[in-house]
Amino acid sequence: MGTAGTPQRRAILTGGLAATTAALLTACSSKTDSTAKGTAAAAGASTSPSPVAAARPDSPWAAFARLMDGNKRWVDGRLQHPDRDPKRREFVAEEQKPYGVILSCIDSRVPPELLFDTGLGDLFVMRTGGQVVGPVVVGSVEYGPMTSGTPLIVVLGHQRCGAVKAAYEALRDGKELPGNLQSIADALAPAYEETAKGKHADPVDAMTRVHINQTAAGLRSNKDLAPMVKKGDLAVVSAYYSLDTGRVDVLTGAPSA
């Protein structure tokens, strides 16, 4: 009896120890998860998947309204961060159908996906210094409307643009910019010439706005895009972004409902 009882007692002790260890590990894990969630919440991070945006807008007005709603959230600090999780990545992996094309400046303070609060697969984005265009850039802008039926193009300039300022000063003083930066000044020459015809409290800002409008007008009259614009399947909007407020203001071309 005594010999047989020893293994039994050992089994009981071993089983009890295993159960206790499992309970401690579970408690520790739960505590760690709770702590992580609390830390994420304190940092303002979401512990749930990002929300999924509504169906892709197929009209210029619907696409425009979606973008402007996103910008309002950016201004108000009520970001939704839609379509930014692995499920969305998997959904768009085989095919993309963005509802907007954004041509903007390279400025690090003007990221279109953030200031319009959009997600993965929502926008085609082209960024150049001073949002200047050339054949490759125009071809890139055309890609969405011509291959995916993208209904909206936004030419987005911004406040205190360094590229426009450098070009303005170089053109005003008759000096060349170093390296390939001069190509940006050359592309901005028409906007400078138009701006120089008048008097402006802030000529650089005025030149920025002139250039935005000129670029949008050029895209609207583009031989491949113009028929889509005329038919109402595409809108080309010129817009200005305020670094101070985060707000996007439309200059020309806002589509009607």
C-alpha atoms as a PDB file:
ATOM      1  CA  MET A   1       0.000   0.000   0.000  1.00  0.00           C
ATOM      2  CA  GLY A   2       2.732   2.439   0.968  1.00  0.00           C
ATOM      3  CA  THR A   3       4.704   1.779  -2.210  1.00  0.00           C
ATOM      4  CA  ALA A   4       1.672   2.146  -4.433  1.00  0.00           C
ATOM      5  CA  GLY A   5       0.592   5.364  -2.682  1.00  0.00           C
ATOM      6  CA  THR A   6       3.766   7.282  -3.440  1.00  0.00           C
ATOM      7  CA  PRO A   7       3.313   7.499  -7.242  1.00  0.00           C
ATOM      8  CA  GLN A   8      -0.311   8.410  -6.704  1.00  0.00           C
ATOM      9  CA  ARG A   9       0.605  11.267  -4.384  1.00  0.00           C
ATOM     10  CA  ARG A  10       3.237  12.360  -6.880  1.00  0.00           C
ATOM     11  CA  ALA A  11       0.671  12.355  -9.693  1.00  0.00           C
ATOM     12  CA  ILE A  12      -1.689  14.446  -7.615  1.00  0.00           C
ATOM     13  CA  LEU A  13       1.067  16.893  -6.731  1.00  0.00           C
ATOM     14  CA  THR A  14       2.288  17.050 -10.337  1.00  0.00           C
ATOM     15  CA  GLY A  15      -1.230  17.582 -11.671  1.00  0.00           C
ATOM     16  CA  GLY A  16      -1.861  20.298  -9.114  1.00  0.00           C
ATOM     17  CA  LEU A  17       1.398  22.031  -9.983  1.00  0.00           C
ATOM     18  CA  ALA A  18       0.566  21.913 -13.714  1.00  0.00           C
ATOM     19  CA  ALA A  19      -2.883  23.344 -13.123  1.00  0.00           C
ATOM     20  CA  THR A  20      -1.460  26.106 -10.932  1.00  0.00           C
ATOM     21  CA  THR A  21       1.179  26.953 -13.560  1.00  0.00           C
ATOM     22  CA  ALA A  22      -1.442  27.068 -16.333  1.00  0.00           C
ATOM     23  CA  ALA A  23      -3.624  29.359 -14.228  1.00  0.00           C
ATOM     24  CA  LEU A  24      -0.697  31.679 -13.543  1.00  0.00           C
ATOM     25  CA  LEU A  25       0.257  31.776 -17.218  1.00  0.00           C
ATOM     26  CA  THR A  26      -3.344  32.517 -18.212  1.00  0.00           C
ATOM     27  CA  ALA A  27      -3.599  35.293 -15.649  1.00  0.00           C
ATOM     28  CA  CYS A  28      -0.262  36.717 -16.766  1.00  0.00           C
ATOM     29  CA  SER A  29      -1.326  36.578 -20.411  1.00  0.00           C
ATOM     30  CA  SER A  30      -4.638  38.279 -19.655  1.00  0.00           C
ATOM     31  CA  LYS A  31      -2.848  40.951 -17.687  1.00  0.00           C
ATOM     32  CA  THR A  32      -0.375  41.499 -20.514  1.00  0.00           C
ATOM     33  CA  ASP A  33      -3.186  41.765 -23.079  1.00  0.00           C
ATOM     34  CA  SER A  34      -5.098  44.194 -20.881  1.00  0.00           C
ATOM     35  CA  THR A  35      -1.966  46.260 -20.317  1.00  0.00           C
ATOM     36  CA  ALA A  36      -1.217  46.331 -24.059  1.00  0.00           C
ATOM     37  CA  LYS A  37      -4.756  47.378 -24.866  1.00  0.00           C
ATOM     38  CA  GLY A  38      -4.659  50.028 -22.176  1.00  0.00           C
ATOM     39  CA  THR A  39      -1.338  51.335 -23.478  1.00  0.00           C
ATOM     40  CA  ALA A  40      -2.672  51.431 -27.043  1.00  0.00           C
ATOM     41  CA  ALA A  41      -5.815  53.229 -25.914  1.00  0.00           C
ATOM     42  CA  ALA A  42      -3.765  55.720 -23.935  1.00  0.00           C
ATOM     43  CA  ALA A  43      -1.676  56.396 -27.027  1.00  0.00           C
ATOM     44  CA  GLY A  44      -4.813  56.962 -29.081  1.00  0.00           C
ATOM     45  CA  ALA A  45      -4.352  53.767 -31.090  1.00  0.00           C
ATOM     46  CA  SER A  46      -7.266  51.576 -32.137  1.00  0.00           C
ATOM     47  CA  THR A  47      -7.285  47.974 -30.989  1.00  0.00           C
ATOM     48  CA  SER A  48      -9.999  47.007 -33.486  1.00  0.00           C
ATOM     49  CA  PRO A  49      -9.679  46.674 -37.278  1.00  0.00           C
ATOM     50  CA  SER A  50      -9.892  49.909 -39.228  1.00  0.00           C
ATOM     51  CA  PRO A  51     -13.388  50.718 -40.516  1.00  0.00           C
ATOM     52  CA  VAL A  52     -14.245  49.759 -44.073  1.00  0.00           C
ATOM     53  CA  ALA A  53     -15.263  52.635 -46.307  1.00  0.00           C
ATOM     54  CA  ALA A  54     -18.522  52.607 -48.235  1.00  0.00           C
ATOM     55  CA  ALA A  55     -18.729  51.333 -51.802  1.00  0.00           C
ATOM     56  CA  ARG A  56     -16.494  53.008 -54.376  1.00  0.00           C
ATOM     57  CA  PRO A  57     -18.048  56.270 -55.603  1.00  0.00           C
ATOM     58  CA  ASP A  58     -18.531  56.101 -59.362  1.00  0.00           C
ATOM     59  CA  SER A  59     -19.535  59.692 -60.165  1.00  0.00           C
ATOM     60  CA  PRO A  60     -17.378  62.835 -60.005  1.00  0.00           C
ATOM     61  CA  TRP A  61     -19.657  64.355 -57.381  1.00  0.00           C
ATOM     62  CA  ALA A  62     -19.691  61.265 -55.164  1.00  0.00           C
ATOM     63  CA  ALA A  63     -15.895  60.974 -55.348  1.00  0.00           C
ATOM     64  CA  PHE A  64     -15.498  64.679 -54.616  1.00  0.00           C
ATOM     65  CA  ALA A  65     -17.875  64.485 -51.648  1.00  0.00           C
ATOM     66  CA  ARG A  66     -15.974  61.470 -50.253  1.00  0.00           C
ATOM     67  CA  LEU A  67     -12.673  63.345 -50.423  1.00  0.00           C
ATOM     68  CA  MET A  68     -14.031  66.516 -48.876  1.00  0.00           C
ATOM     69  CA  ASP A  69     -15.690  64.578 -46.052  1.00  0.00           C
ATOM     70  CA  GLY A  70     -12.311  62.998 -45.362  1.00  0.00           C
ATOM     71  CA  ASN A  71     -10.623  66.385 -45.335  1.00  0.00           C
ATOM     72  CA  LYS A  72     -13.187  67.698 -42.860  1.00  0.00           C
ATOM     73  CA  ARG A  73     -12.345  64.793 -40.548  1.00  0.00           C
ATOM     74  CA  TRP A  74      -8.655  65.682 -40.906  1.00  0.00           C
ATOM     75  CA  VAL A  75      -9.337  69.310 -39.999  1.00  0.00           C
ATOM     76  CA  ASP A  76     -11.566  68.349 -37.065  1.00  0.00           C
ATOM     77  CA  GLY A  77      -9.244  65.616 -35.778  1.00  0.00           C
ATOM     78  CA  ARG A  78     -11.894  62.887 -36.189  1.00  0.00           C
ATOM     79  CA  LEU A  79      -9.940  60.533 -38.433  1.00  0.00           C
ATOM     80  CA  GLN A  80     -11.441  57.157 -39.306  1.00  0.00           C
ATOM     81  CA  HIS A  81      -8.390  55.622 -41.042  1.00  0.00           C
ATOM     82  CA  PRO A  82     -10.642  53.576 -43.347  1.00  0.00           C
ATOM     83  CA  ASP A  83      -9.451  50.535 -45.281  1.00  0.00           C
ATOM     84  CA  ARG A  84      -6.017  50.254 -43.690  1.00  0.00           C
ATOM     85  CA  ASP A  85      -5.925  46.697 -42.429  1.00  0.00           C
ATOM     86  CA  PRO A  86      -4.857  43.269 -43.762  1.00  0.00           C
ATOM     87  CA  LYS A  87      -8.376  42.501 -45.009  1.00  0.00           C
ATOM     88  CA  ARG A  88      -8.317  45.558 -47.241  1.00  0.00           C
ATOM     89  CA  ARG A  89      -4.815  44.656 -48.432  1.00  0.00           C
ATOM     90  CA  GLU A  90      -6.050  41.224 -49.429  1.00  0.00           C
ATOM     91  CA  PHE A  91      -9.176  42.666 -51.074  1.00  0.00           C
ATOM     92  CA  VAL A  92      -7.253  44.986 -53.411  1.00  0.00           C
ATOM     93  CA  ALA A  93      -4.309  42.660 -54.024  1.00  0.00           C
ATOM     94  CA  GLU A  94      -5.666  41.336 -57.328  1.00  0.00           C
ATOM     95  CA  GLU A  95      -7.372  44.488 -58.654  1.00  0.00           C
ATOM     96  CA  GLN A  96      -7.551  48.205 -57.928  1.00  0.00           C
ATOM     97  CA  LYS A  97     -10.222  50.756 -58.790  1.00  0.00           C
ATOM     98  CA  PRO A  98      -9.311  54.040 -57.080  1.00  0.00           C
ATOM     99  CA  TYR A  99     -11.993  56.718 -57.139  1.00  0.00           C
ATOM    100  CA  GLY A 100      -9.607  59.684 -57.224  1.00  0.00           C
ATOM    101  CA  VAL A 101      -6.394  60.901 -58.836  1.00  0.00           C
ATOM    102  CA  ILE A 102      -4.377  63.424 -56.831  1.00  0.00           C
ATOM    103  CA  LEU A 103      -1.588  65.474 -58.388  1.00  0.00           C
ATOM    104  CA  SER A 104       0.194  67.232 -55.554  1.00  0.00           C
ATOM    105  CA  CYS A 105       3.534  68.600 -54.426  1.00  0.00           C
ATOM    106  CA  ILE A 106       6.323  66.505 -52.910  1.00  0.00           C
ATOM    107  CA  ASP A 107       6.119  68.577 -49.715  1.00  0.00           C
ATOM    108  CA  SER A 108       6.354  66.275 -46.684  1.00  0.00           C
ATOM    109  CA  ARG A 109       3.532  68.180 -44.974  1.00  0.00           C
ATOM    110  CA  VAL A 110       1.013  67.460 -47.728  1.00  0.00           C
ATOM    111  CA  PRO A 111       0.370  63.679 -47.848  1.00  0.00           C
ATOM    112  CA  PRO A 112      -2.912  63.238 -49.804  1.00  0.00           C
ATOM    113  CA  GLU A 113      -3.829  59.899 -48.233  1.00  0.00           C
ATOM    114  CA  LEU A 114      -3.713  61.476 -44.760  1.00  0.00           C
ATOM    115  CA  LEU A 115      -5.276  64.869 -45.376  1.00  0.00           C
ATOM    116  CA  PHE A 116      -8.216  63.225 -47.172  1.00  0.00           C
ATOM    117  CA  ASP A 117      -8.371  60.367 -44.612  1.00  0.00           C
ATOM    118  CA  THR A 118      -8.425  57.668 -47.280  1.00  0.00           C
ATOM    119  CA  GLY A 119      -7.352  54.036 -47.344  1.00  0.00           C
ATOM    120  CA  LEU A 120      -5.446  51.485 -49.355  1.00  0.00           C
ATOM    121  CA  GLY A 121      -6.578  51.364 -52.985  1.00  0.00           C
ATOM    122  CA  ASP A 122      -8.581  54.615 -52.855  1.00  0.00           C
ATOM    123  CA  LEU A 123      -6.281  57.022 -54.700  1.00  0.00           C
ATOM    124  CA  PHE A 124      -3.783  57.252 -57.520  1.00  0.00           C
ATOM    125  CA  VAL A 125      -1.227  59.782 -56.261  1.00  0.00           C
ATOM    126  CA  MET A 126       1.374  61.689 -58.287  1.00  0.00           C
ATOM    127  CA  ARG A 127       3.734  64.043 -56.451  1.00  0.00           C
ATOM    128  CA  THR A 128       6.208  66.397 -58.083  1.00  0.00           C
ATOM    129  CA  GLY A 129       7.952  69.576 -56.962  1.00  0.00           C
ATOM    130  CA  GLY A 130       5.338  72.333 -57.214  1.00  0.00           C
ATOM    131  CA  GLN A 131       2.982  69.736 -58.775  1.00  0.00           C
ATOM    132  CA  VAL A 132       4.526  70.525 -62.167  1.00  0.00           C
ATOM    133  CA  VAL A 133       3.653  68.288 -65.102  1.00  0.00           C
ATOM    134  CA  GLY A 134       5.376  66.776 -68.112  1.00  0.00           C
ATOM    135  CA  PRO A 135       4.505  63.934 -70.493  1.00  0.00           C
ATOM    136  CA  VAL A 136       5.211  61.152 -67.968  1.00  0.00           C
ATOM    137  CA  VAL A 137       3.252  62.900 -65.214  1.00  0.00           C
ATOM    138  CA  VAL A 138       0.306  63.647 -67.502  1.00  0.00           C
ATOM    139  CA  GLY A 139       0.334  60.025 -68.635  1.00  0.00           C
ATOM    140  CA  SER A 140       0.264  58.942 -65.004  1.00  0.00           C
ATOM    141  CA  VAL A 141      -2.705  61.240 -64.332  1.00  0.00           C
ATOM    142  CA  GLU A 142      -4.510  59.858 -67.384  1.00  0.00           C
ATOM    143  CA  TYR A 143      -4.006  56.270 -66.246  1.00  0.00           C
ATOM    144  CA  GLY A 144      -6.835  56.176 -63.710  1.00  0.00           C
ATOM    145  CA  PRO A 145      -9.609  57.727 -65.809  1.00  0.00           C
ATOM    146  CA  MET A 146      -8.552  55.878 -68.966  1.00  0.00           C
ATOM    147  CA  THR A 147      -8.048  52.395 -67.494  1.00  0.00           C
ATOM    148  CA  SER A 148     -10.082  52.253 -64.267  1.00  0.00           C
ATOM    149  CA  GLY A 149     -12.876  54.738 -64.843  1.00  0.00           C
ATOM    150  CA  THR A 150     -11.602  56.961 -62.035  1.00  0.00           C
ATOM    151  CA  PRO A 151     -14.105  59.855 -61.990  1.00  0.00           C
ATOM    152  CA  LEU A 152     -12.097  62.591 -60.278  1.00  0.00           C
ATOM    153  CA  ILE A 153      -8.760  64.375 -60.669  1.00  0.00           C
ATOM    154  CA  VAL A 154      -7.595  66.903 -58.086  1.00  0.00           C
ATOM    155  CA  VAL A 155      -4.659  69.214 -58.734  1.00  0.00           C
ATOM    156  CA  LEU A 156      -3.594  70.125 -55.202  1.00  0.00           C
ATOM    157  CA  GLY A 157      -1.249  73.010 -54.469  1.00  0.00           C
ATOM    158  CA  HIS A 158      -0.458  74.292 -51.012  1.00  0.00           C
ATOM    159  CA  GLN A 159       0.457  77.197 -48.791  1.00  0.00           C
ATOM    160  CA  ARG A 160       4.115  78.272 -48.567  1.00  0.00           C
ATOM    161  CA  CYS A 161       5.311  76.015 -51.376  1.00  0.00           C
ATOM    162  CA  GLY A 162       9.114  75.964 -51.388  1.00  0.00           C
ATOM    163  CA  ALA A 163       9.341  74.870 -55.023  1.00  0.00           C
ATOM    164  CA  VAL A 164       7.146  77.730 -56.213  1.00  0.00           C
ATOM    165  CA  LYS A 165       9.047  80.210 -54.056  1.00  0.00           C
ATOM    166  CA  ALA A 166      12.424  79.090 -55.445  1.00  0.00           C
ATOM    167  CA  ALA A 167      11.096  79.264 -58.999  1.00  0.00           C
ATOM    168  CA  TYR A 168       9.525  82.685 -58.440  1.00  0.00           C
ATOM    169  CA  GLU A 169      12.748  84.173 -57.098  1.00  0.00           C
ATOM    170  CA  ALA A 170      14.878  82.601 -59.839  1.00  0.00           C
ATOM    171  CA  LEU A 171      12.575  83.819 -62.605  1.00  0.00           C
ATOM    172  CA  ARG A 172      12.254  87.272 -61.046  1.00  0.00           C
ATOM    173  CA  ASP A 173      16.022  87.680 -60.676  1.00  0.00           C
ATOM    174  CA  GLY A 174      16.935  86.021 -63.976  1.00  0.00           C
ATOM    175  CA  LYS A 175      19.014  83.327 -62.287  1.00  0.00           C
ATOM    176  CA  GLU A 176      19.133  79.597 -62.871  1.00  0.00           C
ATOM    177  CA  LEU A 177      18.513  77.033 -60.187  1.00  0.00           C
ATOM    178  CA  PRO A 178      21.132  74.297 -59.712  1.00  0.00           C
ATOM    179  CA  GLY A 179      20.906  70.924 -61.417  1.00  0.00           C
ATOM    180  CA  ASN A 180      17.535  69.685 -62.568  1.00  0.00           C
ATOM    181  CA  LEU A 181      15.746  72.081 -60.239  1.00  0.00           C
ATOM    182  CA  GLN A 182      15.793  74.479 -63.167  1.00  0.00           C
ATOM    183  CA  SER A 183      13.303  72.226 -64.968  1.00  0.00           C
ATOM    184  CA  ILE A 184      10.802  72.980 -62.204  1.00  0.00           C
ATOM    185  CA  ALA A 185      11.323  76.718 -62.671  1.00  0.00           C
ATOM    186  CA  ASP A 186      10.899  76.321 -66.442  1.00  0.00           C
ATOM    187  CA  ALA A 187       7.614  74.484 -65.948  1.00  0.00           C
ATOM    188  CA  LEU A 188       6.396  77.216 -63.598  1.00  0.00           C
ATOM    189  CA  ALA A 189       7.328  80.058 -65.974  1.00  0.00           C
ATOM    190  CA  PRO A 190       3.774  80.458 -67.390  1.00  0.00           C
ATOM    191  CA  ALA A 191       2.390  80.881 -63.867  1.00  0.00           C
ATOM    192  CA  TYR A 192       5.123  83.405 -63.064  1.00  0.00           C
ATOM    193  CA  GLU A 193       4.388  85.420 -66.194  1.00  0.00           C
ATOM    194  CA  GLU A 194       0.672  85.528 -65.378  1.00  0.00           C
ATOM    195  CA  THR A 195       1.365  86.509 -61.774  1.00  0.00           C
ATOM    196  CA  ALA A 196       3.806  89.248 -62.786  1.00  0.00           C
ATOM    197  CA  LYS A 197       1.025  91.060 -64.657  1.00  0.00           C
ATOM    198  CA  GLY A 198      -0.555  92.169 -61.388  1.00  0.00           C
ATOM    199  CA  LYS A 199       0.338  93.325 -57.878  1.00  0.00           C
ATOM    200  CA  HIS A 200      -0.035  90.867 -55.022  1.00  0.00           C
ATOM    201  CA  ALA A 201       0.519  91.088 -51.274  1.00  0.00           C
ATOM    202  CA  ASP A 202       2.018  87.584 -51.465  1.00  0.00           C
ATOM    203  CA  PRO A 203       3.211  86.968 -55.044  1.00  0.00           C
ATOM    204  CA  VAL A 204       4.455  83.449 -54.276  1.00  0.00           C
ATOM    205  CA  ASP A 205       1.054  82.415 -52.968  1.00  0.00           C
ATOM    206  CA  ALA A 206      -0.622  84.089 -55.936  1.00  0.00           C
ATOM    207  CA  MET A 207       1.707  82.245 -58.308  1.00  0.00           C
ATOM    208  CA  THR A 208       0.874  78.960 -56.582  1.00  0.00           C
ATOM    209  CA  ARG A 209      -2.838  79.504 -57.146  1.00  0.00           C
ATOM    210  CA  VAL A 210      -2.327  80.566 -60.756  1.00  0.00           C
ATOM    211  CA  HIS A 211      -0.250  77.468 -61.415  1.00  0.00           C
ATOM    212  CA  ILE A 212      -2.841  75.148 -59.835  1.00  0.00           C
ATOM    213  CA  ASN A 213      -5.567  76.602 -62.036  1.00  0.00           C
ATOM    214  CA  GLN A 214      -3.429  76.506 -65.175  1.00  0.00           C
ATOM    215  CA  THR A 215      -2.533  72.869 -64.594  1.00  0.00           C
ATOM    216  CA  ALA A 216      -6.144  71.852 -63.986  1.00  0.00           C
ATOM    217  CA  ALA A 217      -7.289  73.756 -67.084  1.00  0.00           C
ATOM    218  CA  GLY A 218      -4.625  71.994 -69.143  1.00  0.00           C
ATOM    219  CA  LEU A 219      -5.836  68.595 -67.966  1.00  0.00           C
ATOM    220  CA  ARG A 220      -9.473  69.479 -68.674  1.00  0.00           C
ATOM    221  CA  SER A 221      -8.580  70.368 -72.257  1.00  0.00           C
ATOM    222  CA  ASN A 222      -6.354  67.310 -72.684  1.00  0.00           C
ATOM    223  CA  LYS A 223      -7.431  65.523 -75.887  1.00  0.00           C
ATOM    224  CA  ASP A 224      -7.994  62.228 -74.080  1.00  0.00           C
ATOM    225  CA  LEU A 225      -9.555  63.589 -70.897  1.00  0.00           C
ATOM    226  CA  ALA A 226     -11.689  66.384 -72.384  1.00  0.00           C
ATOM    227  CA  PRO A 227     -14.312  64.009 -73.871  1.00  0.00           C
ATOM    228  CA  MET A 228     -14.806  62.400 -70.450  1.00  0.00           C
ATOM    229  CA  VAL A 229     -15.120  65.820 -68.819  1.00  0.00           C
ATOM    230  CA  LYS A 230     -17.638  66.952 -71.437  1.00  0.00           C
ATOM    231  CA  LYS A 231     -19.687  63.795 -70.962  1.00  0.00           C
ATOM    232  CA  GLY A 232     -19.758  64.299 -67.179  1.00  0.00           C
ATOM    233  CA  ASP A 233     -17.855  61.121 -66.391  1.00  0.00           C
ATOM    234  CA  LEU A 234     -14.806  63.016 -65.087  1.00  0.00           C
ATOM    235  CA  ALA A 235     -14.170  66.207 -63.132  1.00  0.00           C
ATOM    236  CA  VAL A 236     -10.837  67.998 -62.840  1.00  0.00           C
ATOM    237  CA  VAL A 237     -10.672  70.120 -59.704  1.00  0.00           C
ATOM    238  CA  SER A 238      -8.030  72.654 -58.729  1.00  0.00           C
ATOM    239  CA  ALA A 239      -7.605  72.958 -54.962  1.00  0.00           C
ATOM    240  CA  TYR A 240      -5.415  74.677 -52.375  1.00  0.00           C
ATOM    241  CA  TYR A 241      -4.259  73.169 -49.082  1.00  0.00           C
ATOM    242  CA  SER A 242      -3.613  75.303 -46.009  1.00  0.00           C
ATOM    243  CA  LEU A 243      -0.680  74.113 -43.916  1.00  0.00           C
ATOM    244  CA  ASP A 244      -2.001  76.178 -41.011  1.00  0.00           C
ATOM    245  CA  THR A 245      -5.519  74.759 -40.856  1.00  0.00           C
ATOM    246  CA  GLY A 246      -5.324  71.474 -42.787  1.00  0.00           C
ATOM    247  CA  ARG A 247      -8.245  72.592 -44.925  1.00  0.00           C
ATOM    248  CA  VAL A 248      -8.558  71.999 -48.662  1.00  0.00           C
ATOM    249  CA  ASP A 249     -10.333  74.809 -50.534  1.00  0.00           C
ATOM    250  CA  VAL A 250     -11.590  74.302 -54.064  1.00  0.00           C
ATOM    251  CA  LEU A 251     -10.489  76.908 -56.601  1.00  0.00           C
ATOM    252  CA  THR A 252     -12.162  75.681 -59.794  1.00  0.00           C
ATOM    253  CA  GLY A 253     -13.977  72.700 -61.249  1.00  0.00           C
ATOM    254  CA  ALA A 254     -16.051  71.407 -58.336  1.00  0.00           C
ATOM    255  CA  PRO A 255     -18.564  68.910 -59.779  1.00  0.00           C
ATOM    256  CA  SER A 256     -22.263  69.355 -59.194  1.00  0.00           C
ATOM    257  CA  ALA A 257     -24.474  66.727 -57.618  1.00  0.00           C
END
